[in-house]
Amino acid sequence: MTDLVQVGRVGRPHGLDGAFVVEAASDDPQRFAAGARLVVAGEIAEVVEAKRSGGRLIVKLDREVPRGSVLAVPRSELPVSGEDEYYVFELVGLSVEEEGGRELGRVQDVAPGVANDVLELDTGTALPLVEECVLSVDLERGRILVAQGFATES
């Protein structure tokens, strides 16, 4: 299967029935609802049960899967994002440039923050994902343009 998007990863076991903690789980509550289908190691697996325990998502699939396995869905199953809305996987890897042409690095991750999400760059720079900072996102050119004054010299 190609064109898959990671929505989580199989974490440590939870109990003795094959359930496990989902690491780096998607924020979409329906993604792991009973009956949802995920791609694991190239095969379709169905969610049999999902619950929360101690704030963590616990899932049981219709088959055993190895710890560390990626849980994915076809990109075509993702809801269409709205204007100026992006999935993390769309932003990771984009180059970030400050107004005036200074290269700041590439997006390594998007971390959730208290007030807003944060672009984490491979250079160690962290930029707030807010309108005042992020001026434009050009997925076709693979570039994010940010305003001056948000990044300090490395």
N, C-alpha and C. Protein backbone atom coordinates (compact mmCIF):
# COMPACT_ATOMS: atom_id res chain seq x y z
N MET A 1 0.85 -1.18 0.00
CA MET A 1 0.00 0.00 0.00
C MET A 1 0.89 1.24 0.00
N THR A 2 0.54 2.19 -0.82
CA THR A 2 1.34 3.41 -0.89
C THR A 2 0.48 4.58 -0.47
N ASP A 3 1.14 5.71 -0.29
CA ASP A 3 0.46 6.94 0.07
C ASP A 3 -0.26 6.81 1.42
N LEU A 4 0.47 6.28 2.40
CA LEU A 4 -0.08 6.12 3.74
C LEU A 4 0.39 7.24 4.64
N VAL A 5 -0.44 7.57 5.63
CA VAL A 5 -0.12 8.59 6.61
C VAL A 5 -0.13 7.94 7.99
N GLN A 6 0.95 8.14 8.73
CA GLN A 6 1.04 7.57 10.07
C GLN A 6 0.06 8.28 11.00
N VAL A 7 -0.71 7.48 11.76
CA VAL A 7 -1.66 8.04 12.73
C VAL A 7 -1.34 7.58 14.15
N GLY A 8 -0.29 6.79 14.30
CA GLY A 8 0.12 6.32 15.61
C GLY A 8 1.16 5.23 15.48
N ARG A 9 1.55 4.71 16.65
CA ARG A 9 2.55 3.64 16.68
C ARG A 9 2.18 2.71 17.84
N VAL A 10 2.43 1.42 17.65
CA VAL A 10 2.13 0.43 18.68
C VAL A 10 3.12 0.58 19.82
N GLY A 11 2.59 0.87 21.00
CA GLY A 11 3.42 1.03 22.19
C GLY A 11 3.42 -0.22 23.04
N ARG A 12 3.67 -0.03 24.31
CA ARG A 12 3.79 -1.17 25.21
C ARG A 12 2.44 -1.86 25.41
N PRO A 13 2.49 -3.16 25.70
CA PRO A 13 1.24 -3.91 25.92
C PRO A 13 0.46 -3.36 27.10
N HIS A 14 -0.84 -3.55 27.05
CA HIS A 14 -1.72 -3.14 28.15
C HIS A 14 -2.60 -4.34 28.46
N GLY A 15 -2.31 -5.03 29.55
CA GLY A 15 -3.05 -6.22 29.90
C GLY A 15 -2.54 -7.43 29.13
N LEU A 16 -3.33 -8.51 29.15
CA LEU A 16 -2.90 -9.78 28.55
C LEU A 16 -3.70 -10.16 27.31
N ASP A 17 -4.60 -9.28 26.86
CA ASP A 17 -5.48 -9.65 25.76
C ASP A 17 -5.04 -9.12 24.39
N GLY A 18 -3.82 -8.59 24.31
CA GLY A 18 -3.33 -8.08 23.02
C GLY A 18 -3.51 -6.58 22.84
N ALA A 19 -4.13 -5.92 23.82
CA ALA A 19 -4.30 -4.47 23.73
C ALA A 19 -2.94 -3.79 23.96
N PHE A 20 -2.82 -2.57 23.47
CA PHE A 20 -1.56 -1.84 23.60
C PHE A 20 -1.82 -0.35 23.70
N VAL A 21 -0.83 0.36 24.22
CA VAL A 21 -0.87 1.82 24.29
C VAL A 21 -0.51 2.34 22.90
N VAL A 22 -1.26 3.33 22.40
CA VAL A 22 -0.94 3.95 21.12
C VAL A 22 -0.07 5.16 21.39
N GLU A 23 1.13 5.15 20.81
CA GLU A 23 2.04 6.27 20.95
C GLU A 23 1.84 7.21 19.77
N ALA A 24 2.03 8.50 20.00
CA ALA A 24 1.91 9.53 18.96
C ALA A 24 0.59 9.39 18.19
N ALA A 25 -0.50 9.23 18.94
CA ALA A 25 -1.81 8.98 18.34
C ALA A 25 -2.40 10.22 17.67
N SER A 26 -3.11 10.01 16.59
CA SER A 26 -3.85 11.05 15.89
C SER A 26 -4.83 11.71 16.85
N ASP A 27 -5.09 13.00 16.63
CA ASP A 27 -6.06 13.72 17.46
C ASP A 27 -7.50 13.39 17.10
N ASP A 28 -7.71 12.76 15.95
CA ASP A 28 -9.06 12.45 15.48
C ASP A 28 -9.63 11.31 16.32
N PRO A 29 -10.67 11.57 17.13
CA PRO A 29 -11.21 10.54 18.02
C PRO A 29 -11.80 9.34 17.26
N GLN A 30 -12.23 9.53 16.03
CA GLN A 30 -12.81 8.43 15.26
C GLN A 30 -11.75 7.53 14.63
N ARG A 31 -10.52 7.98 14.60
CA ARG A 31 -9.44 7.22 13.95
C ARG A 31 -9.25 5.86 14.57
N PHE A 32 -9.50 5.74 15.90
CA PHE A 32 -9.29 4.48 16.61
C PHE A 32 -10.58 3.93 17.21
N ALA A 33 -11.73 4.39 16.71
CA ALA A 33 -13.01 3.89 17.20
C ALA A 33 -13.18 2.43 16.78
N ALA A 34 -13.94 1.68 17.57
CA ALA A 34 -14.20 0.28 17.21
C ALA A 34 -14.75 0.21 15.78
N GLY A 35 -14.18 -0.68 14.99
CA GLY A 35 -14.58 -0.84 13.60
C GLY A 35 -13.70 -0.09 12.62
N ALA A 36 -12.89 0.86 13.12
CA ALA A 36 -11.99 1.61 12.23
C ALA A 36 -10.94 0.66 11.68
N ARG A 37 -10.51 0.95 10.46
CA ARG A 37 -9.51 0.10 9.80
C ARG A 37 -8.20 0.87 9.68
N LEU A 38 -7.11 0.19 10.02
CA LEU A 38 -5.78 0.75 9.98
C LEU A 38 -4.87 -0.15 9.15
N VAL A 39 -3.83 0.42 8.61
CA VAL A 39 -2.83 -0.38 7.91
C VAL A 39 -1.66 -0.57 8.85
N VAL A 40 -1.31 -1.83 9.10
CA VAL A 40 -0.19 -2.17 9.98
C VAL A 40 0.67 -3.19 9.25
N ALA A 41 1.93 -2.86 9.03
CA ALA A 41 2.86 -3.75 8.33
C ALA A 41 2.30 -4.20 6.98
N GLY A 42 1.66 -3.27 6.28
CA GLY A 42 1.16 -3.55 4.94
C GLY A 42 -0.16 -4.29 4.88
N GLU A 43 -0.73 -4.60 6.03
CA GLU A 43 -2.01 -5.33 6.06
C GLU A 43 -3.06 -4.51 6.80
N ILE A 44 -4.31 -4.73 6.41
CA ILE A 44 -5.43 -4.05 7.08
C ILE A 44 -5.73 -4.75 8.40
N ALA A 45 -5.89 -3.95 9.44
CA ALA A 45 -6.29 -4.46 10.75
C ALA A 45 -7.47 -3.63 11.22
N GLU A 46 -8.38 -4.27 11.92
CA GLU A 46 -9.57 -3.57 12.41
C GLU A 46 -9.48 -3.35 13.91
N VAL A 47 -9.90 -2.16 14.35
CA VAL A 47 -9.94 -1.85 15.77
C VAL A 47 -11.12 -2.60 16.39
N VAL A 48 -10.82 -3.44 17.37
CA VAL A 48 -11.85 -4.21 18.07
C VAL A 48 -12.35 -3.43 19.28
N GLU A 49 -11.42 -2.76 19.94
CA GLU A 49 -11.76 -2.03 21.17
C GLU A 49 -10.81 -0.86 21.35
N ALA A 50 -11.33 0.24 21.85
CA ALA A 50 -10.50 1.41 22.17
C ALA A 50 -11.04 2.04 23.45
N LYS A 51 -10.12 2.43 24.32
CA LYS A 51 -10.52 3.07 25.58
C LYS A 51 -9.37 3.94 26.05
N ARG A 52 -9.63 4.72 27.07
CA ARG A 52 -8.58 5.55 27.68
C ARG A 52 -8.30 4.99 29.06
N SER A 53 -7.03 4.99 29.41
CA SER A 53 -6.62 4.55 30.74
C SER A 53 -5.49 5.46 31.18
N GLY A 54 -5.70 6.19 32.26
CA GLY A 54 -4.68 7.10 32.76
C GLY A 54 -4.33 8.17 31.73
N GLY A 55 -5.30 8.56 30.90
CA GLY A 55 -5.07 9.58 29.89
C GLY A 55 -4.44 9.05 28.61
N ARG A 56 -4.11 7.76 28.57
CA ARG A 56 -3.50 7.17 27.38
C ARG A 56 -4.54 6.40 26.58
N LEU A 57 -4.36 6.40 25.27
CA LEU A 57 -5.24 5.64 24.39
C LEU A 57 -4.79 4.19 24.36
N ILE A 58 -5.73 3.28 24.63
CA ILE A 58 -5.47 1.84 24.62
C ILE A 58 -6.32 1.25 23.50
N VAL A 59 -5.69 0.46 22.63
CA VAL A 59 -6.39 -0.11 21.48
C VAL A 59 -6.12 -1.61 21.40
N LYS A 60 -7.13 -2.33 20.96
CA LYS A 60 -6.97 -3.76 20.65
C LYS A 60 -7.41 -3.95 19.21
N LEU A 61 -6.56 -4.59 18.42
CA LEU A 61 -6.86 -4.87 17.02
C LEU A 61 -7.33 -6.31 16.86
N ASP A 62 -7.80 -6.64 15.67
CA ASP A 62 -8.29 -7.99 15.40
C ASP A 62 -7.15 -8.99 15.18
N ARG A 63 -5.92 -8.54 15.36
CA ARG A 63 -4.75 -9.43 15.23
C ARG A 63 -3.62 -8.87 16.08
N GLU A 64 -2.65 -9.71 16.38
CA GLU A 64 -1.49 -9.24 17.13
C GLU A 64 -0.57 -8.48 16.19
N VAL A 65 0.01 -7.41 16.69
CA VAL A 65 0.96 -6.62 15.91
C VAL A 65 2.18 -6.35 16.77
N PRO A 66 3.35 -6.32 16.17
CA PRO A 66 4.57 -6.11 16.96
C PRO A 66 4.67 -4.69 17.51
N ARG A 67 5.25 -4.60 18.69
CA ARG A 67 5.50 -3.30 19.31
C ARG A 67 6.39 -2.47 18.38
N GLY A 68 6.08 -1.18 18.27
CA GLY A 68 6.85 -0.30 17.40
C GLY A 68 6.28 -0.18 16.00
N SER A 69 5.32 -1.04 15.65
CA SER A 69 4.72 -0.98 14.31
C SER A 69 4.01 0.34 14.10
N VAL A 70 4.09 0.85 12.88
CA VAL A 70 3.40 2.08 12.51
C VAL A 70 1.94 1.76 12.22
N LEU A 71 1.06 2.60 12.74
CA LEU A 71 -0.38 2.52 12.45
C LEU A 71 -0.66 3.62 11.43
N ALA A 72 -1.25 3.26 10.30
CA ALA A 72 -1.42 4.23 9.22
C ALA A 72 -2.79 4.11 8.58
N VAL A 73 -3.13 5.13 7.81
CA VAL A 73 -4.35 5.13 6.99
C VAL A 73 -3.98 5.68 5.62
N PRO A 74 -4.73 5.29 4.60
CA PRO A 74 -4.49 5.88 3.28
C PRO A 74 -4.77 7.39 3.33
N ARG A 75 -3.93 8.16 2.68
CA ARG A 75 -4.10 9.61 2.66
C ARG A 75 -5.49 9.99 2.17
N SER A 76 -6.05 9.22 1.26
CA SER A 76 -7.36 9.51 0.68
C SER A 76 -8.48 9.46 1.73
N GLU A 77 -8.24 8.82 2.87
CA GLU A 77 -9.26 8.73 3.92
C GLU A 77 -9.25 9.92 4.87
N LEU A 78 -8.24 10.78 4.75
CA LEU A 78 -8.17 11.94 5.64
C LEU A 78 -9.19 12.99 5.20
N PRO A 79 -9.83 13.66 6.13
CA PRO A 79 -10.72 14.74 5.75
C PRO A 79 -9.93 15.86 5.06
N VAL A 80 -10.57 16.52 4.12
CA VAL A 80 -9.92 17.63 3.43
C VAL A 80 -9.70 18.75 4.45
N SER A 81 -8.49 19.28 4.48
CA SER A 81 -8.21 20.36 5.42
C SER A 81 -8.74 21.68 4.85
N GLY A 82 -9.08 22.58 5.76
CA GLY A 82 -9.61 23.87 5.36
C GLY A 82 -8.51 24.80 4.88
N GLU A 83 -8.91 25.96 4.45
CA GLU A 83 -7.94 26.96 4.01
C GLU A 83 -7.03 27.33 5.18
N ASP A 84 -5.73 27.39 4.91
CA ASP A 84 -4.72 27.69 5.92
C ASP A 84 -4.68 26.67 7.05
N GLU A 85 -5.11 25.44 6.77
CA GLU A 85 -5.00 24.33 7.72
C GLU A 85 -4.15 23.26 7.05
N TYR A 86 -3.26 22.65 7.85
CA TYR A 86 -2.34 21.66 7.31
C TYR A 86 -2.20 20.50 8.26
N TYR A 87 -1.95 19.34 7.71
CA TYR A 87 -1.59 18.18 8.52
C TYR A 87 -0.11 18.28 8.83
N VAL A 88 0.30 17.74 9.97
CA VAL A 88 1.71 17.77 10.37
C VAL A 88 2.58 17.15 9.28
N PHE A 89 2.15 16.01 8.70
CA PHE A 89 2.98 15.36 7.70
C PHE A 89 3.20 16.23 6.46
N GLU A 90 2.31 17.20 6.23
CA GLU A 90 2.49 18.10 5.09
C GLU A 90 3.57 19.14 5.38
N LEU A 91 3.75 19.49 6.65
CA LEU A 91 4.71 20.53 7.03
C LEU A 91 6.11 19.98 7.28
N VAL A 92 6.20 18.75 7.78
CA VAL A 92 7.50 18.17 8.08
C VAL A 92 8.32 18.06 6.79
N GLY A 93 9.53 18.57 6.87
CA GLY A 93 10.43 18.53 5.71
C GLY A 93 10.46 19.81 4.90
N LEU A 94 9.49 20.70 5.11
CA LEU A 94 9.48 21.95 4.36
C LEU A 94 10.62 22.85 4.84
N SER A 95 11.21 23.60 3.91
CA SER A 95 12.24 24.56 4.31
C SER A 95 11.54 25.81 4.86
N VAL A 96 12.18 26.43 5.83
CA VAL A 96 11.63 27.63 6.46
C VAL A 96 12.58 28.78 6.16
N GLU A 97 12.00 29.84 5.63
CA GLU A 97 12.78 31.01 5.24
C GLU A 97 12.17 32.24 5.89
N GLU A 98 13.04 33.10 6.39
CA GLU A 98 12.60 34.35 6.99
C GLU A 98 12.46 35.39 5.88
N GLU A 99 11.54 36.34 6.07
CA GLU A 99 11.45 37.47 5.13
C GLU A 99 12.85 38.04 4.94
N GLY A 100 13.21 38.32 3.72
CA GLY A 100 14.56 38.82 3.46
C GLY A 100 15.47 37.72 2.95
N GLY A 101 15.02 36.46 3.01
CA GLY A 101 15.77 35.37 2.39
C GLY A 101 16.63 34.51 3.29
N ARG A 102 16.71 34.80 4.61
CA ARG A 102 17.55 33.98 5.49
C ARG A 102 16.92 32.60 5.70
N GLU A 103 17.68 31.54 5.37
CA GLU A 103 17.22 30.17 5.59
C GLU A 103 17.32 29.85 7.08
N LEU A 104 16.23 29.31 7.65
CA LEU A 104 16.22 29.00 9.08
C LEU A 104 16.35 27.51 9.35
N GLY A 105 16.08 26.67 8.36
CA GLY A 105 16.16 25.23 8.54
C GLY A 105 14.96 24.54 7.93
N ARG A 106 14.78 23.27 8.29
CA ARG A 106 13.65 22.48 7.80
C ARG A 106 12.78 22.06 8.99
N VAL A 107 11.49 21.97 8.74
CA VAL A 107 10.56 21.54 9.79
C VAL A 107 10.85 20.08 10.12
N GLN A 108 11.15 19.83 11.38
CA GLN A 108 11.41 18.48 11.86
C GLN A 108 10.15 17.89 12.49
N ASP A 109 9.37 18.76 13.15
CA ASP A 109 8.15 18.30 13.81
C ASP A 109 7.27 19.51 14.11
N VAL A 110 6.02 19.23 14.44
CA VAL A 110 5.11 20.27 14.91
C VAL A 110 4.65 19.81 16.29
N ALA A 111 5.05 20.57 17.31
CA ALA A 111 4.74 20.19 18.68
C ALA A 111 3.52 20.95 19.18
N PRO A 112 2.62 20.25 19.87
CA PRO A 112 1.48 20.96 20.44
C PRO A 112 1.95 21.86 21.58
N GLY A 113 1.40 23.05 21.65
CA GLY A 113 1.75 23.98 22.71
C GLY A 113 0.52 24.36 23.50
N VAL A 114 0.72 25.09 24.57
CA VAL A 114 -0.40 25.52 25.41
C VAL A 114 -1.29 26.50 24.66
N ALA A 115 -0.69 27.53 24.07
CA ALA A 115 -1.46 28.55 23.37
C ALA A 115 -1.54 28.27 21.87
N ASN A 116 -0.51 27.66 21.31
CA ASN A 116 -0.47 27.37 19.87
C ASN A 116 0.56 26.28 19.60
N ASP A 117 0.47 25.67 18.44
CA ASP A 117 1.46 24.68 18.04
C ASP A 117 2.77 25.38 17.71
N VAL A 118 3.86 24.61 17.69
CA VAL A 118 5.19 25.16 17.48
C VAL A 118 5.90 24.37 16.38
N LEU A 119 6.44 25.09 15.39
CA LEU A 119 7.27 24.46 14.37
C LEU A 119 8.64 24.22 14.97
N GLU A 120 9.08 22.97 15.00
CA GLU A 120 10.42 22.65 15.49
C GLU A 120 11.30 22.38 14.28
N LEU A 121 12.37 23.17 14.14
CA LEU A 121 13.25 23.05 12.99
C LEU A 121 14.46 22.18 13.31
N ASP A 122 15.08 21.64 12.27
CA ASP A 122 16.25 20.79 12.45
C ASP A 122 17.46 21.55 12.98
N THR A 123 17.38 22.85 13.00
CA THR A 123 18.47 23.69 13.53
C THR A 123 18.30 23.98 15.01
N GLY A 124 17.21 23.51 15.61
CA GLY A 124 16.94 23.78 17.01
C GLY A 124 16.04 24.98 17.23
N THR A 125 15.74 25.70 16.17
CA THR A 125 14.86 26.86 16.26
C THR A 125 13.42 26.40 16.44
N ALA A 126 12.67 27.09 17.27
CA ALA A 126 11.24 26.82 17.47
C ALA A 126 10.47 28.08 17.12
N LEU A 127 9.47 27.93 16.29
CA LEU A 127 8.67 29.08 15.84
C LEU A 127 7.20 28.83 16.14
N PRO A 128 6.51 29.84 16.68
CA PRO A 128 5.08 29.67 16.96
C PRO A 128 4.29 29.56 15.66
N LEU A 129 3.37 28.65 15.64
CA LEU A 129 2.53 28.46 14.46
C LEU A 129 1.31 29.38 14.59
N VAL A 130 1.60 30.69 14.43
CA VAL A 130 0.56 31.72 14.53
C VAL A 130 0.66 32.62 13.29
N GLU A 131 -0.44 33.26 12.98
CA GLU A 131 -0.53 34.10 11.79
C GLU A 131 0.53 35.21 11.76
N GLU A 132 0.86 35.78 12.92
CA GLU A 132 1.84 36.85 12.98
C GLU A 132 3.23 36.37 12.58
N CYS A 133 3.51 35.10 12.80
CA CYS A 133 4.83 34.53 12.50
C CYS A 133 4.85 33.88 11.12
N VAL A 134 3.93 32.99 10.87
CA VAL A 134 3.90 32.25 9.60
C VAL A 134 3.12 33.07 8.57
N LEU A 135 3.85 33.61 7.61
CA LEU A 135 3.22 34.46 6.60
C LEU A 135 2.61 33.66 5.46
N SER A 136 3.27 32.57 5.06
CA SER A 136 2.71 31.74 4.00
C SER A 136 3.30 30.34 4.06
N VAL A 137 2.50 29.39 3.60
CA VAL A 137 2.92 28.00 3.46
C VAL A 137 2.68 27.63 2.01
N ASP A 138 3.74 27.24 1.32
CA ASP A 138 3.66 26.87 -0.09
C ASP A 138 4.06 25.40 -0.21
N LEU A 139 3.05 24.52 -0.19
CA LEU A 139 3.33 23.09 -0.24
C LEU A 139 3.98 22.69 -1.57
N GLU A 140 3.56 23.32 -2.65
CA GLU A 140 4.10 22.97 -3.97
C GLU A 140 5.59 23.30 -4.06
N ARG A 141 6.00 24.42 -3.50
CA ARG A 141 7.41 24.82 -3.53
C ARG A 141 8.18 24.28 -2.33
N GLY A 142 7.46 23.68 -1.37
CA GLY A 142 8.12 23.11 -0.21
C GLY A 142 8.73 24.14 0.71
N ARG A 143 8.00 25.25 0.93
CA ARG A 143 8.57 26.37 1.67
C ARG A 143 7.56 27.02 2.58
N ILE A 144 8.04 27.46 3.74
CA ILE A 144 7.26 28.26 4.68
C ILE A 144 8.00 29.58 4.83
N LEU A 145 7.28 30.68 4.69
CA LEU A 145 7.86 32.01 4.87
C LEU A 145 7.40 32.54 6.21
N VAL A 146 8.36 33.00 7.03
CA VAL A 146 8.03 33.54 8.35
C VAL A 146 8.48 34.98 8.47
N ALA A 147 7.83 35.71 9.35
CA ALA A 147 8.17 37.11 9.59
C ALA A 147 9.49 37.23 10.35
N GLN A 148 10.15 38.34 10.16
CA GLN A 148 11.39 38.61 10.88
C GLN A 148 11.08 38.84 12.35
N GLY A 149 12.04 38.51 13.18
CA GLY A 149 11.90 38.80 14.60
C GLY A 149 11.45 37.61 15.44
N PHE A 150 11.07 36.50 14.82
CA PHE A 150 10.63 35.34 15.59
C PHE A 150 11.74 34.32 15.80
N ALA A 151 12.77 34.36 14.94
CA ALA A 151 13.89 33.43 15.04
C ALA A 151 15.13 34.18 15.51
N THR A 152 15.81 33.60 16.48
CA THR A 152 17.07 34.19 16.94
C THR A 152 18.22 33.57 16.17
N GLU A 153 19.34 34.27 16.12
CA GLU A 153 20.53 33.74 15.44
C GLU A 153 20.95 32.45 16.12
N SER A 154 21.32 31.46 15.32
CA SER A 154 21.78 30.18 15.89
C SER A 154 23.26 30.22 16.17
